[in-house]
């Protein structure tokens, strides 16, 4: 499972930020990288008060998610 992990901040703020993620099955990390920008653009359209600060594609680490 691949995770598109991204950090979003409230528009106009660099300190009020949070992590968000989208999960994908049966794709590679490279495919995630190519598909990320359109997916992030869709997310921003539905969350207009936020701006994406950073993003990355990575294999999902269930151990890190549970802590």
PDB file of N, CA and C in Angstrom:
ATOM      1  N   UNK A   1       0.849  -1.167   0.000  1.00  0.00           N
ATOM      2  CA  UNK A   1       0.000   0.000   0.000  1.00  0.00           C
ATOM      3  C   UNK A   1       0.902   1.241   0.000  1.00  0.00           C
ATOM      4  N   UNK A   2       0.537   2.208  -0.831  1.00  0.00           N
ATOM      5  CA  UNK A   2       1.304   3.447  -0.965  1.00  0.00           C
ATOM      6  C   UNK A   2       0.494   4.589  -0.370  1.00  0.00           C
ATOM      7  N   UNK A   3       1.195   5.464   0.312  1.00  0.00           N
ATOM      8  CA  UNK A   3       0.563   6.612   0.943  1.00  0.00           C
ATOM      9  C   UNK A   3       1.055   7.900   0.293  1.00  0.00           C
ATOM     10  N   UNK A   4       0.116   8.754  -0.082  1.00  0.00           N
ATOM     11  CA  UNK A   4       0.433  10.118  -0.498  1.00  0.00           C
ATOM     12  C   UNK A   4       0.239  10.965   0.750  1.00  0.00           C
ATOM     13  N   UNK A   5       1.339  11.310   1.376  1.00  0.00           N
ATOM     14  CA  UNK A   5       1.323  12.056   2.625  1.00  0.00           C
ATOM     15  C   UNK A   5       1.583  13.525   2.305  1.00  0.00           C
ATOM     16  N   UNK A   6       0.722  14.400   2.805  1.00  0.00           N
ATOM     17  CA  UNK A   6       0.908  15.813   2.530  1.00  0.00           C
ATOM     18  C   UNK A   6       0.580  16.653   3.752  1.00  0.00           C
ATOM     19  N   UNK A   7       1.245  17.782   3.837  1.00  0.00           N
ATOM     20  CA  UNK A   7       1.048  18.717   4.940  1.00  0.00           C
ATOM     21  C   UNK A   7       0.276  19.901   4.394  1.00  0.00           C
ATOM     22  N   UNK A   8      -0.828  20.235   5.064  1.00  0.00           N
ATOM     23  CA  UNK A   8      -1.642  21.373   4.660  1.00  0.00           C
ATOM     24  C   UNK A   8      -1.668  22.393   5.787  1.00  0.00           C
ATOM     25  N   UNK A   9      -1.718  23.658   5.394  1.00  0.00           N
ATOM     26  CA  UNK A   9      -1.793  24.753   6.352  1.00  0.00           C
ATOM     27  C   UNK A   9      -2.998  25.607   6.005  1.00  0.00           C
ATOM     28  N   UNK A  10      -3.574  26.207   7.031  1.00  0.00           N
ATOM     29  CA  UNK A  10      -4.642  27.151   6.775  1.00  0.00           C
ATOM     30  C   UNK A  10      -4.114  28.272   5.894  1.00  0.00           C
ATOM     31  N   UNK A  11      -4.928  28.705   4.962  1.00  0.00           N
ATOM     32  CA  UNK A  11      -4.519  29.791   4.071  1.00  0.00           C
ATOM     33  C   UNK A  11      -4.133  31.001   4.910  1.00  0.00           C
ATOM     34  N   UNK A  12      -2.984  31.575   4.603  1.00  0.00           N
ATOM     35  CA  UNK A  12      -2.517  32.743   5.333  1.00  0.00           C
ATOM     36  C   UNK A  12      -1.782  32.427   6.620  1.00  0.00           C
ATOM     37  N   UNK A  13      -1.581  31.140   6.924  1.00  0.00           N
ATOM     38  CA  UNK A  13      -0.877  30.761   8.148  1.00  0.00           C
ATOM     39  C   UNK A  13       0.182  29.715   7.813  1.00  0.00           C
ATOM     40  N   UNK A  14       1.339  29.850   8.422  1.00  0.00           N
ATOM     41  CA  UNK A  14       2.366  28.822   8.251  1.00  0.00           C
ATOM     42  C   UNK A  14       2.534  27.990   9.515  1.00  0.00           C
ATOM     43  N   UNK A  15       1.745  28.299  10.536  1.00  0.00           N
ATOM     44  CA  UNK A  15       1.877  27.575  11.796  1.00  0.00           C
ATOM     45  C   UNK A  15       0.697  26.662  12.088  1.00  0.00           C
ATOM     46  N   UNK A  16      -0.446  26.880  11.475  1.00  0.00           N
ATOM     47  CA  UNK A  16      -1.616  26.033  11.703  1.00  0.00           C
ATOM     48  C   UNK A  16      -1.686  24.995  10.591  1.00  0.00           C
ATOM     49  N   UNK A  17      -0.904  23.919  10.781  1.00  0.00           N
ATOM     50  CA  UNK A  17      -0.755  22.892   9.757  1.00  0.00           C
ATOM     51  C   UNK A  17      -1.110  21.519  10.312  1.00  0.00           C
ATOM     52  N   UNK A  18      -1.420  20.617   9.399  1.00  0.00           N
ATOM     53  CA  UNK A  18      -1.716  19.242   9.788  1.00  0.00           C
ATOM     54  C   UNK A  18      -1.359  18.297   8.652  1.00  0.00           C
ATOM     55  N   UNK A  19      -1.116  17.046   9.003  1.00  0.00           N
ATOM     56  CA  UNK A  19      -0.836  16.021   8.005  1.00  0.00           C
ATOM     57  C   UNK A  19      -2.144  15.406   7.521  1.00  0.00           C
ATOM     58  N   UNK A  20      -2.187  15.133   6.249  1.00  0.00           N
ATOM     59  CA  UNK A  20      -3.291  14.417   5.620  1.00  0.00           C
ATOM     60  C   UNK A  20      -2.671  13.320   4.767  1.00  0.00           C
ATOM     61  N   UNK A  21      -3.466  12.330   4.401  1.00  0.00           N
ATOM     62  CA  UNK A  21      -2.928  11.319   3.505  1.00  0.00           C
ATOM     63  C   UNK A  21      -4.034  10.681   2.676  1.00  0.00           C
ATOM     64  N   UNK A  22      -3.631  10.208   1.533  1.00  0.00           N
ATOM     65  CA  UNK A  22      -4.480   9.414   0.665  1.00  0.00           C
ATOM     66  C   UNK A  22      -3.767   8.076   0.481  1.00  0.00           C
ATOM     67  N   UNK A  23      -4.518   6.991   0.513  1.00  0.00           N
ATOM     68  CA  UNK A  23      -3.933   5.655   0.413  1.00  0.00           C
ATOM     69  C   UNK A  23      -4.304   5.013  -0.917  1.00  0.00           C
ATOM     70  N   UNK A  24      -3.335   4.296  -1.469  1.00  0.00           N
ATOM     71  CA  UNK A  24      -3.526   3.613  -2.746  1.00  0.00           C
ATOM     72  C   UNK A  24      -3.071   2.171  -2.624  1.00  0.00           C
ATOM     73  N   UNK A  25      -3.826   1.291  -3.237  1.00  0.00           N
ATOM     74  CA  UNK A  25      -3.423  -0.106  -3.323  1.00  0.00           C
ATOM     75  C   UNK A  25      -3.031  -0.408  -4.755  1.00  0.00           C
ATOM     76  N   UNK A  26      -2.127  -1.325  -4.906  1.00  0.00           N
ATOM     77  CA  UNK A  26      -1.751  -1.836  -6.228  1.00  0.00           C
ATOM     78  C   UNK A  26      -1.172  -0.785  -7.166  1.00  0.00           C
ATOM     79  N   UNK A  27      -0.449   0.186  -6.633  1.00  0.00           N
ATOM     80  CA  UNK A  27       0.317   1.100  -7.478  1.00  0.00           C
ATOM     81  C   UNK A  27       1.719   1.213  -6.889  1.00  0.00           C
ATOM     82  N   UNK A  28       2.636   1.660  -7.693  1.00  0.00           N
ATOM     83  CA  UNK A  28       4.008   1.830  -7.223  1.00  0.00           C
ATOM     84  C   UNK A  28       4.190   3.242  -6.680  1.00  0.00           C
ATOM     85  N   UNK A  29       5.275   3.446  -5.986  1.00  0.00           N
ATOM     86  CA  UNK A  29       5.607   4.776  -5.495  1.00  0.00           C
ATOM     87  C   UNK A  29       5.779   5.736  -6.661  1.00  0.00           C
ATOM     88  N   UNK A  30       6.395   5.283  -7.732  1.00  0.00           N
ATOM     89  CA  UNK A  30       6.602   6.129  -8.909  1.00  0.00           C
ATOM     90  C   UNK A  30       5.261   6.558  -9.518  1.00  0.00           C
ATOM     91  N   UNK A  31       4.308   5.647  -9.592  1.00  0.00           N
ATOM     92  CA  UNK A  31       2.982   5.990 -10.106  1.00  0.00           C
ATOM     93  C   UNK A  31       2.316   7.017  -9.206  1.00  0.00           C
ATOM     94  N   UNK A  32       2.484   6.867  -7.920  1.00  0.00           N
ATOM     95  CA  UNK A  32       1.950   7.834  -6.961  1.00  0.00           C
ATOM     96  C   UNK A  32       2.523   9.224  -7.234  1.00  0.00           C
ATOM     97  N   UNK A  33       3.822   9.297  -7.458  1.00  0.00           N
ATOM     98  CA  UNK A  33       4.470  10.585  -7.714  1.00  0.00           C
ATOM     99  C   UNK A  33       3.869  11.249  -8.952  1.00  0.00           C
ATOM    100  N   UNK A  34       3.655  10.470 -10.018  1.00  0.00           N
ATOM    101  CA  UNK A  34       3.088  11.032 -11.244  1.00  0.00           C
ATOM    102  C   UNK A  34       1.634  11.464 -11.063  1.00  0.00           C
ATOM    103  N   UNK A  35       0.893  10.761 -10.224  1.00  0.00           N
ATOM    104  CA  UNK A  35      -0.528  11.051 -10.037  1.00  0.00           C
ATOM    105  C   UNK A  35      -0.793  12.057  -8.914  1.00  0.00           C
ATOM    106  N   UNK A  36       0.221  12.412  -8.156  1.00  0.00           N
ATOM    107  CA  UNK A  36       0.018  13.226  -6.950  1.00  0.00           C
ATOM    108  C   UNK A  36      -0.540  14.614  -7.235  1.00  0.00           C
ATOM    109  N   UNK A  37       0.023  15.327  -8.175  1.00  0.00           N
ATOM    110  CA  UNK A  37      -0.409  16.711  -8.382  1.00  0.00           C
ATOM    111  C   UNK A  37      -1.887  16.835  -8.760  1.00  0.00           C
ATOM    112  N   UNK A  38      -2.401  16.025  -9.677  1.00  0.00           N
ATOM    113  CA  UNK A  38      -3.848  16.111  -9.942  1.00  0.00           C
ATOM    114  C   UNK A  38      -4.703  15.751  -8.720  1.00  0.00           C
ATOM    115  N   UNK A  39      -4.265  14.758  -7.953  1.00  0.00           N
ATOM    116  CA  UNK A  39      -5.013  14.375  -6.749  1.00  0.00           C
ATOM    117  C   UNK A  39      -4.986  15.491  -5.703  1.00  0.00           C
ATOM    118  N   UNK A  40      -3.833  16.108  -5.540  1.00  0.00           N
ATOM    119  CA  UNK A  40      -3.726  17.208  -4.586  1.00  0.00           C
ATOM    120  C   UNK A  40      -4.556  18.408  -5.046  1.00  0.00           C
ATOM    121  N   UNK A  41      -4.610  18.653  -6.337  1.00  0.00           N
ATOM    122  CA  UNK A  41      -5.434  19.743  -6.862  1.00  0.00           C
ATOM    123  C   UNK A  41      -6.915  19.490  -6.560  1.00  0.00           C
ATOM    124  N   UNK A  42      -7.353  18.243  -6.706  1.00  0.00           N
ATOM    125  CA  UNK A  42      -8.740  17.898  -6.352  1.00  0.00           C
ATOM    126  C   UNK A  42      -8.999  18.141  -4.869  1.00  0.00           C
ATOM    127  N   UNK A  43      -8.036  17.762  -4.034  1.00  0.00           N
ATOM    128  CA  UNK A  43      -8.196  17.932  -2.591  1.00  0.00           C
ATOM    129  C   UNK A  43      -8.330  19.414  -2.251  1.00  0.00           C
ATOM    130  N   UNK A  44      -7.491  20.244  -2.849  1.00  0.00           N
ATOM    131  CA  UNK A  44      -7.533  21.683  -2.580  1.00  0.00           C
ATOM    132  C   UNK A  44      -8.863  22.287  -3.040  1.00  0.00           C
ATOM    133  N   UNK A  45      -9.405  21.805  -4.145  1.00  0.00           N
ATOM    134  CA  UNK A  45     -10.699  22.304  -4.618  1.00  0.00           C
ATOM    135  C   UNK A  45     -11.801  22.084  -3.596  1.00  0.00           C
ATOM    136  N   UNK A  46     -11.723  20.981  -2.864  1.00  0.00           N
ATOM    137  CA  UNK A  46     -12.759  20.680  -1.869  1.00  0.00           C
ATOM    138  C   UNK A  46     -12.413  21.199  -0.481  1.00  0.00           C
ATOM    139  N   UNK A  47     -11.221  21.760  -0.323  1.00  0.00           N
ATOM    140  CA  UNK A  47     -10.769  22.331   0.950  1.00  0.00           C
ATOM    141  C   UNK A  47     -10.127  23.697   0.670  1.00  0.00           C
ATOM    142  N   UNK A  48     -10.927  24.671   0.244  1.00  0.00           N
ATOM    143  CA  UNK A  48     -10.370  25.949  -0.227  1.00  0.00           C
ATOM    144  C   UNK A  48      -9.674  26.792   0.846  1.00  0.00           C
ATOM    145  N   UNK A  49      -9.879  26.489   2.103  1.00  0.00           N
ATOM    146  CA  UNK A  49      -9.231  27.271   3.167  1.00  0.00           C
ATOM    147  C   UNK A  49      -7.825  26.779   3.493  1.00  0.00           C
ATOM    148  N   UNK A  50      -7.367  25.759   2.771  1.00  0.00           N
ATOM    149  CA  UNK A  50      -6.057  25.171   3.035  1.00  0.00           C
ATOM    150  C   UNK A  50      -5.137  25.313   1.832  1.00  0.00           C
ATOM    151  N   UNK A  51      -3.851  25.305   2.111  1.00  0.00           N
ATOM    152  CA  UNK A  51      -2.810  25.301   1.092  1.00  0.00           C
ATOM    153  C   UNK A  51      -1.858  24.148   1.387  1.00  0.00           C
ATOM    154  N   UNK A  52      -1.406  23.475   0.361  1.00  0.00           N
ATOM    155  CA  UNK A  52      -0.490  22.354   0.542  1.00  0.00           C
ATOM    156  C   UNK A  52       0.922  22.902   0.683  1.00  0.00           C
ATOM    157  N   UNK A  53       1.574  22.527   1.782  1.00  0.00           N
ATOM    158  CA  UNK A  53       2.937  22.991   2.044  1.00  0.00           C
ATOM    159  C   UNK A  53       3.972  22.020   1.488  1.00  0.00           C
ATOM    160  N   UNK A  54       3.719  20.717   1.627  1.00  0.00           N
ATOM    161  CA  UNK A  54       4.658  19.715   1.132  1.00  0.00           C
ATOM    162  C   UNK A  54       3.917  18.399   0.933  1.00  0.00           C
ATOM    163  N   UNK A  55       4.529  17.502   0.163  1.00  0.00           N
ATOM    164  CA  UNK A  55       3.941  16.189  -0.049  1.00  0.00           C
ATOM    165  C   UNK A  55       5.025  15.194  -0.439  1.00  0.00           C
ATOM    166  N   UNK A  56       4.702  13.913  -0.247  1.00  0.00           N
ATOM    167  CA  UNK A  56       5.600  12.836  -0.669  1.00  0.00           C
ATOM    168  C   UNK A  56       4.804  11.551  -0.789  1.00  0.00           C
ATOM    169  N   UNK A  57       5.305  10.641  -1.600  1.00  0.00           N
ATOM    170  CA  UNK A  57       4.741   9.304  -1.738  1.00  0.00           C
ATOM    171  C   UNK A  57       5.686   8.335  -1.044  1.00  0.00           C
ATOM    172  N   UNK A  58       5.105   7.407  -0.305  1.00  0.00           N
ATOM    173  CA  UNK A  58       5.924   6.449   0.436  1.00  0.00           C
ATOM    174  C   UNK A  58       5.119   5.186   0.707  1.00  0.00           C
ATOM    175  N   UNK A  59       5.810   4.065   0.901  1.00  0.00           N
ATOM    176  CA  UNK A  59       5.102   2.868   1.341  1.00  0.00           C
ATOM    177  C   UNK A  59       4.488   3.136   2.717  1.00  0.00           C
ATOM    178  N   UNK A  60       3.283   2.668   2.916  1.00  0.00           N
ATOM    179  CA  UNK A  60       2.601   2.875   4.190  1.00  0.00           C
ATOM    180  C   UNK A  60       3.273   2.038   5.265  1.00  0.00           C
ATOM    181  N   UNK A  61       3.631   2.675   6.346  1.00  0.00           N
ATOM    182  CA  UNK A  61       4.241   1.999   7.485  1.00  0.00           C
ATOM    183  C   UNK A  61       3.202   1.915   8.595  1.00  0.00           C
ATOM    184  N   UNK A  62       2.597   0.731   8.743  1.00  0.00           N
ATOM    185  CA  UNK A  62       1.530   0.561   9.725  1.00  0.00           C
ATOM    186  C   UNK A  62       2.040   0.752  11.146  1.00  0.00           C
ATOM    187  N   UNK A  63       3.276   0.408  11.424  1.00  0.00           N
ATOM    188  CA  UNK A  63       3.821   0.560  12.775  1.00  0.00           C
ATOM    189  C   UNK A  63       3.885   2.027  13.175  1.00  0.00           C
ATOM    190  N   UNK A  64       4.300   2.910  12.267  1.00  0.00           N
ATOM    191  CA  UNK A  64       4.345   4.333  12.572  1.00  0.00           C
ATOM    192  C   UNK A  64       2.958   4.921  12.751  1.00  0.00           C
ATOM    193  N   UNK A  65       1.981   4.441  12.027  1.00  0.00           N
ATOM    194  CA  UNK A  65       0.620   4.957  12.083  1.00  0.00           C
ATOM    195  C   UNK A  65      -0.076   4.628  13.396  1.00  0.00           C
ATOM    196  N   UNK A  66       0.297   3.519  14.024  1.00  0.00           N
ATOM    197  CA  UNK A  66      -0.381   3.081  15.246  1.00  0.00           C
ATOM    198  C   UNK A  66       0.120   3.797  16.483  1.00  0.00           C
ATOM    199  N   UNK A  67       1.263   4.481  16.419  1.00  0.00           N
ATOM    200  CA  UNK A  67       1.787   5.159  17.606  1.00  0.00           C
ATOM    201  C   UNK A  67       1.359   6.595  17.649  1.00  0.00           C
TER     202      UNK A  67
END
